[in-house]
Amino acid sequence: MTTYVPKAVQDALDAARMQGLKSKSRLRVSVEDQIFPVLRMWKDGFSVEAETAPQLRGLVDLYDGARHLSQCLIVASDLEGDEMCYEFKRATPAAESAPLDFYRAPDAPVALLAQDDSRL
């Protein structure tokens, strides 16, 4: 049995697959002031559309919709069809506040009240 698919049909199938990947994902990668949709993401990397994204490298920000997920240091790994794959050298999760440089006890008071010296 032969599985010959005409070139026009194969191109249409590839375009439909790429459109499906773009519309499914909420993930975005931000480089300087440009934003590119992430097609696939795995443990140590992600892929974007090769046609629209330039050769990315360096520090990028990864977003899920409007929520900042992480700041990543990336390098290009290879081209797989219409997708450009990147690997993380470092992926630091984003935090809403700066990390503490001291231990805060779980039962510590939230604030301290000043003692009123006028009643003495």
N, C-alpha and C. Protein backbone atom coordinates (compact mmCIF):
# COMPACT_ATOMS: atom_id res chain seq x y z
N MET A 1 0.84 -1.17 0.00
CA MET A 1 0.00 0.00 0.00
C MET A 1 0.89 1.24 0.00
N THR A 2 0.59 2.19 -0.83
CA THR A 2 1.37 3.41 -0.96
C THR A 2 0.65 4.55 -0.22
N THR A 3 1.41 5.36 0.49
CA THR A 3 0.82 6.49 1.20
C THR A 3 1.36 7.79 0.60
N TYR A 4 1.07 8.00 -0.64
CA TYR A 4 1.51 9.21 -1.34
C TYR A 4 0.48 10.31 -1.08
N VAL A 5 0.97 11.45 -0.63
CA VAL A 5 0.12 12.62 -0.40
C VAL A 5 0.64 13.74 -1.29
N PRO A 6 -0.22 14.32 -2.12
CA PRO A 6 0.23 15.41 -2.98
C PRO A 6 0.80 16.58 -2.14
N LYS A 7 1.74 17.30 -2.72
CA LYS A 7 2.40 18.40 -2.01
C LYS A 7 1.42 19.44 -1.53
N ALA A 8 0.41 19.79 -2.32
CA ALA A 8 -0.57 20.80 -1.92
C ALA A 8 -1.35 20.34 -0.68
N VAL A 9 -1.70 19.06 -0.64
CA VAL A 9 -2.43 18.54 0.51
C VAL A 9 -1.53 18.52 1.75
N GLN A 10 -0.28 18.12 1.59
CA GLN A 10 0.66 18.11 2.71
C GLN A 10 0.89 19.51 3.25
N ASP A 11 1.01 20.50 2.36
CA ASP A 11 1.19 21.89 2.80
C ASP A 11 -0.03 22.38 3.57
N ALA A 12 -1.23 22.03 3.10
CA ALA A 12 -2.45 22.42 3.79
C ALA A 12 -2.54 21.76 5.17
N LEU A 13 -2.15 20.50 5.26
CA LEU A 13 -2.15 19.80 6.55
C LEU A 13 -1.16 20.43 7.52
N ASP A 14 0.02 20.79 7.03
CA ASP A 14 1.03 21.43 7.88
C ASP A 14 0.56 22.80 8.37
N ALA A 15 -0.09 23.57 7.48
CA ALA A 15 -0.60 24.89 7.85
C ALA A 15 -1.71 24.76 8.90
N ALA A 16 -2.58 23.78 8.75
CA ALA A 16 -3.66 23.55 9.72
C ALA A 16 -3.10 23.12 11.07
N ARG A 17 -2.07 22.28 11.07
CA ARG A 17 -1.45 21.85 12.32
C ARG A 17 -0.80 23.03 13.03
N MET A 18 -0.11 23.88 12.28
CA MET A 18 0.54 25.05 12.87
C MET A 18 -0.50 26.02 13.44
N GLN A 19 -1.60 26.23 12.71
CA GLN A 19 -2.67 27.12 13.18
C GLN A 19 -3.30 26.56 14.46
N GLY A 20 -3.47 25.25 14.53
CA GLY A 20 -4.00 24.63 15.72
C GLY A 20 -3.10 24.79 16.92
N LEU A 21 -1.79 24.65 16.72
CA LEU A 21 -0.84 24.85 17.81
C LEU A 21 -0.85 26.28 18.31
N LYS A 22 -0.95 27.25 17.39
CA LYS A 22 -0.94 28.65 17.78
C LYS A 22 -2.20 29.03 18.55
N SER A 23 -3.36 28.50 18.14
CA SER A 23 -4.61 28.90 18.78
C SER A 23 -4.81 28.20 20.12
N LYS A 24 -4.20 27.03 20.33
CA LYS A 24 -4.36 26.29 21.58
C LYS A 24 -3.56 26.88 22.72
N SER A 25 -2.42 27.40 22.44
CA SER A 25 -1.48 27.80 23.49
C SER A 25 -1.72 29.23 23.95
N ARG A 26 -1.70 29.43 25.28
CA ARG A 26 -1.76 30.77 25.85
C ARG A 26 -0.37 31.29 26.17
N LEU A 27 0.62 30.41 26.03
CA LEU A 27 1.98 30.79 26.39
C LEU A 27 2.57 31.75 25.36
N ARG A 28 3.31 32.73 25.87
CA ARG A 28 3.97 33.72 25.02
C ARG A 28 5.38 33.93 25.54
N VAL A 29 6.29 34.22 24.62
CA VAL A 29 7.65 34.58 25.01
C VAL A 29 7.87 36.04 24.59
N SER A 30 8.43 36.83 25.50
CA SER A 30 8.64 38.25 25.26
C SER A 30 10.13 38.54 25.22
N VAL A 31 10.55 39.17 24.12
CA VAL A 31 11.95 39.56 23.94
C VAL A 31 11.95 41.05 23.65
N GLU A 32 12.57 41.82 24.55
CA GLU A 32 12.57 43.27 24.46
C GLU A 32 11.11 43.73 24.35
N ASP A 33 10.66 44.28 23.23
CA ASP A 33 9.26 44.68 23.11
C ASP A 33 8.52 43.87 22.05
N GLN A 34 9.01 42.69 21.73
CA GLN A 34 8.34 41.79 20.78
C GLN A 34 7.79 40.59 21.53
N ILE A 35 6.64 40.09 21.06
CA ILE A 35 5.99 38.93 21.69
C ILE A 35 5.75 37.87 20.63
N PHE A 36 6.10 36.62 20.96
CA PHE A 36 5.92 35.49 20.05
C PHE A 36 5.15 34.39 20.75
N PRO A 37 4.14 33.79 20.08
CA PRO A 37 3.41 32.69 20.71
C PRO A 37 4.27 31.43 20.80
N VAL A 38 4.16 30.74 21.93
CA VAL A 38 4.87 29.48 22.14
C VAL A 38 3.98 28.35 21.63
N LEU A 39 4.50 27.53 20.73
CA LEU A 39 3.71 26.43 20.17
C LEU A 39 3.69 25.23 21.10
N ARG A 40 4.84 24.83 21.59
CA ARG A 40 4.95 23.70 22.51
C ARG A 40 5.95 24.05 23.60
N MET A 41 5.75 23.45 24.78
CA MET A 41 6.70 23.65 25.86
C MET A 41 6.92 22.32 26.55
N TRP A 42 8.16 22.05 26.93
CA TRP A 42 8.50 20.84 27.66
C TRP A 42 9.40 21.24 28.82
N LYS A 43 9.87 20.26 29.56
CA LYS A 43 10.60 20.49 30.80
C LYS A 43 11.78 21.44 30.65
N ASP A 44 12.58 21.28 29.62
CA ASP A 44 13.78 22.09 29.49
C ASP A 44 13.82 22.91 28.20
N GLY A 45 12.65 23.29 27.67
CA GLY A 45 12.64 24.12 26.47
C GLY A 45 11.26 24.41 25.94
N PHE A 46 11.21 25.07 24.79
CA PHE A 46 9.96 25.42 24.12
C PHE A 46 10.23 25.61 22.64
N SER A 47 9.14 25.75 21.87
CA SER A 47 9.30 26.01 20.45
C SER A 47 8.37 27.14 20.02
N VAL A 48 8.80 27.89 19.02
CA VAL A 48 8.01 28.95 18.41
C VAL A 48 8.02 28.75 16.90
N GLU A 49 7.15 29.47 16.21
CA GLU A 49 7.09 29.36 14.76
C GLU A 49 8.36 29.94 14.15
N ALA A 50 9.00 29.18 13.29
CA ALA A 50 10.29 29.57 12.73
C ALA A 50 10.16 30.77 11.79
N GLU A 51 9.04 30.89 11.09
CA GLU A 51 8.89 31.98 10.12
C GLU A 51 8.80 33.35 10.78
N THR A 52 8.06 33.46 11.88
CA THR A 52 7.82 34.77 12.49
C THR A 52 8.85 35.16 13.53
N ALA A 53 9.46 34.19 14.20
CA ALA A 53 10.41 34.50 15.26
C ALA A 53 11.82 34.59 14.70
N PRO A 54 12.55 35.60 15.11
CA PRO A 54 13.96 35.66 14.69
C PRO A 54 14.77 34.64 15.47
N GLN A 55 16.04 34.60 15.23
CA GLN A 55 16.92 33.70 15.97
C GLN A 55 17.06 34.26 17.39
N LEU A 56 16.24 33.76 18.31
CA LEU A 56 16.24 34.24 19.68
C LEU A 56 17.40 33.64 20.46
N ARG A 57 17.93 34.42 21.37
CA ARG A 57 18.92 33.91 22.32
C ARG A 57 19.09 34.95 23.40
N GLY A 58 19.52 34.49 24.54
CA GLY A 58 19.71 35.41 25.66
C GLY A 58 18.56 35.36 26.63
N LEU A 59 18.28 36.49 27.26
CA LEU A 59 17.28 36.58 28.31
C LEU A 59 15.90 36.89 27.73
N VAL A 60 14.91 36.06 28.05
CA VAL A 60 13.53 36.25 27.61
C VAL A 60 12.60 36.07 28.80
N ASP A 61 11.37 36.58 28.67
CA ASP A 61 10.34 36.39 29.69
C ASP A 61 9.26 35.49 29.13
N LEU A 62 8.78 34.55 29.95
CA LEU A 62 7.77 33.60 29.54
C LEU A 62 6.47 33.93 30.27
N TYR A 63 5.37 34.08 29.52
CA TYR A 63 4.07 34.46 30.07
C TYR A 63 3.02 33.42 29.74
N ASP A 64 2.06 33.24 30.66
CA ASP A 64 0.85 32.47 30.41
C ASP A 64 -0.28 33.48 30.43
N GLY A 65 -0.71 33.92 29.26
CA GLY A 65 -1.66 35.02 29.20
C GLY A 65 -0.97 36.28 29.70
N ALA A 66 -1.51 36.88 30.79
CA ALA A 66 -0.90 38.08 31.36
C ALA A 66 -0.03 37.75 32.56
N ARG A 67 -0.02 36.51 33.00
CA ARG A 67 0.73 36.11 34.19
C ARG A 67 2.18 35.78 33.83
N HIS A 68 3.10 36.44 34.49
CA HIS A 68 4.53 36.24 34.25
C HIS A 68 4.96 34.93 34.91
N LEU A 69 5.38 33.94 34.13
CA LEU A 69 5.78 32.64 34.67
C LEU A 69 7.24 32.62 35.09
N SER A 70 8.13 33.00 34.17
CA SER A 70 9.55 32.91 34.50
C SER A 70 10.39 33.79 33.58
N GLN A 71 11.60 34.01 34.03
CA GLN A 71 12.60 34.69 33.23
C GLN A 71 13.62 33.63 32.85
N CYS A 72 13.90 33.51 31.56
CA CYS A 72 14.71 32.38 31.08
C CYS A 72 15.90 32.87 30.27
N LEU A 73 16.98 32.14 30.40
CA LEU A 73 18.15 32.31 29.55
C LEU A 73 18.11 31.16 28.56
N ILE A 74 18.02 31.47 27.26
CA ILE A 74 17.79 30.42 26.26
C ILE A 74 18.88 30.42 25.19
N VAL A 75 18.98 29.27 24.52
CA VAL A 75 19.80 29.12 23.32
C VAL A 75 19.00 28.32 22.31
N ALA A 76 19.21 28.61 21.03
CA ALA A 76 18.53 27.86 19.97
C ALA A 76 19.13 26.47 19.88
N SER A 77 18.25 25.46 19.79
CA SER A 77 18.78 24.11 19.69
C SER A 77 18.70 23.58 18.26
N ASP A 78 17.50 23.55 17.66
CA ASP A 78 17.42 23.10 16.28
C ASP A 78 16.09 23.48 15.65
N LEU A 79 16.01 23.28 14.36
CA LEU A 79 14.82 23.56 13.57
C LEU A 79 14.13 22.24 13.28
N GLU A 80 12.88 22.11 13.70
CA GLU A 80 12.08 20.91 13.44
C GLU A 80 10.89 21.29 12.59
N GLY A 81 10.99 21.10 11.30
CA GLY A 81 9.89 21.48 10.41
C GLY A 81 9.69 22.98 10.40
N ASP A 82 8.51 23.43 10.82
CA ASP A 82 8.18 24.86 10.88
C ASP A 82 8.42 25.44 12.26
N GLU A 83 8.98 24.66 13.18
CA GLU A 83 9.18 25.11 14.55
C GLU A 83 10.66 25.28 14.85
N MET A 84 10.99 26.37 15.54
CA MET A 84 12.34 26.59 16.02
C MET A 84 12.33 26.24 17.50
N CYS A 85 13.19 25.32 17.91
CA CYS A 85 13.22 24.84 19.30
C CYS A 85 14.34 25.55 20.07
N TYR A 86 14.05 25.86 21.31
CA TYR A 86 15.00 26.53 22.19
C TYR A 86 15.13 25.73 23.48
N GLU A 87 16.29 25.76 24.07
CA GLU A 87 16.54 25.08 25.34
C GLU A 87 16.85 26.12 26.41
N PHE A 88 16.41 25.82 27.64
CA PHE A 88 16.69 26.69 28.77
C PHE A 88 18.09 26.41 29.29
N LYS A 89 18.88 27.45 29.45
CA LYS A 89 20.12 27.33 30.21
C LYS A 89 19.80 27.61 31.67
N ARG A 90 18.81 28.51 31.87
CA ARG A 90 18.34 28.86 33.20
C ARG A 90 16.90 29.29 33.08
N ALA A 91 16.05 28.87 34.00
CA ALA A 91 14.65 29.30 34.04
C ALA A 91 14.32 29.63 35.49
N THR A 92 14.21 30.92 35.80
CA THR A 92 13.93 31.37 37.15
C THR A 92 12.46 31.73 37.28
N PRO A 93 11.73 31.04 38.16
CA PRO A 93 10.31 31.36 38.32
C PRO A 93 10.13 32.81 38.78
N ALA A 94 9.10 33.46 38.25
CA ALA A 94 8.82 34.85 38.62
C ALA A 94 8.13 34.87 39.98
N ALA A 95 8.46 35.86 40.78
CA ALA A 95 7.85 36.03 42.10
C ALA A 95 7.22 37.41 42.16
N GLU A 96 6.16 37.53 42.98
CA GLU A 96 5.48 38.82 43.09
C GLU A 96 6.18 39.77 44.04
N SER A 97 7.06 39.24 44.88
CA SER A 97 7.80 40.10 45.80
C SER A 97 9.25 39.64 45.84
N ALA A 98 10.10 40.51 46.34
CA ALA A 98 11.52 40.18 46.43
C ALA A 98 11.72 39.11 47.50
N PRO A 99 12.70 38.24 47.31
CA PRO A 99 12.94 37.22 48.33
C PRO A 99 13.48 37.84 49.62
N LEU A 100 13.13 37.23 50.75
CA LEU A 100 13.62 37.72 52.05
C LEU A 100 15.05 37.26 52.27
N ASP A 101 15.81 38.09 52.96
CA ASP A 101 17.18 37.70 53.28
C ASP A 101 17.30 37.31 54.76
N PHE A 102 16.15 36.98 55.37
CA PHE A 102 16.13 36.53 56.76
C PHE A 102 14.97 35.55 56.92
N TYR A 103 15.00 34.81 58.02
CA TYR A 103 13.95 33.84 58.30
C TYR A 103 12.78 34.54 58.98
N ARG A 104 11.59 34.36 58.47
CA ARG A 104 10.38 34.90 59.10
C ARG A 104 9.62 33.73 59.70
N ALA A 105 9.44 33.77 61.00
CA ALA A 105 8.73 32.70 61.70
C ALA A 105 7.26 32.69 61.27
N PRO A 106 6.66 31.52 61.13
CA PRO A 106 5.26 31.46 60.69
C PRO A 106 4.30 32.12 61.68
N ASP A 107 4.65 32.15 62.97
CA ASP A 107 3.76 32.76 63.96
C ASP A 107 4.20 34.18 64.35
N ALA A 108 5.06 34.80 63.57
CA ALA A 108 5.54 36.16 63.85
C ALA A 108 4.41 37.15 63.62
N PRO A 109 4.38 38.24 64.42
CA PRO A 109 3.33 39.25 64.21
C PRO A 109 3.51 39.96 62.87
N VAL A 110 2.41 40.43 62.32
CA VAL A 110 2.44 41.12 61.05
C VAL A 110 3.05 42.51 61.22
N ALA A 111 2.71 43.18 62.32
CA ALA A 111 3.24 44.52 62.59
C ALA A 111 3.40 44.69 64.09
N LEU A 112 4.22 45.61 64.49
CA LEU A 112 4.42 45.91 65.90
C LEU A 112 3.74 47.23 66.24
N LEU A 113 3.07 47.27 67.40
CA LEU A 113 2.41 48.48 67.84
C LEU A 113 3.37 49.27 68.74
N ALA A 114 3.44 50.55 68.52
CA ALA A 114 4.31 51.39 69.33
C ALA A 114 3.66 51.61 70.69
N GLN A 115 4.47 51.69 71.74
CA GLN A 115 3.96 51.91 73.08
C GLN A 115 3.73 53.40 73.25
N ASP A 116 2.56 53.76 73.77
CA ASP A 116 2.23 55.15 73.99
C ASP A 116 2.86 55.59 75.33
N ASP A 117 3.88 56.44 75.30
CA ASP A 117 4.58 56.89 76.50
C ASP A 117 3.85 57.98 77.24
N SER A 118 2.80 58.57 76.68
CA SER A 118 2.12 59.68 77.32
C SER A 118 1.29 59.24 78.52
N ARG A 119 0.96 57.96 78.61
CA ARG A 119 0.15 57.49 79.74
C ARG A 119 1.00 57.12 80.94
N LEU A 120 2.26 57.21 80.89
CA LEU A 120 3.11 56.84 82.02
C LEU A 120 3.17 57.85 83.06
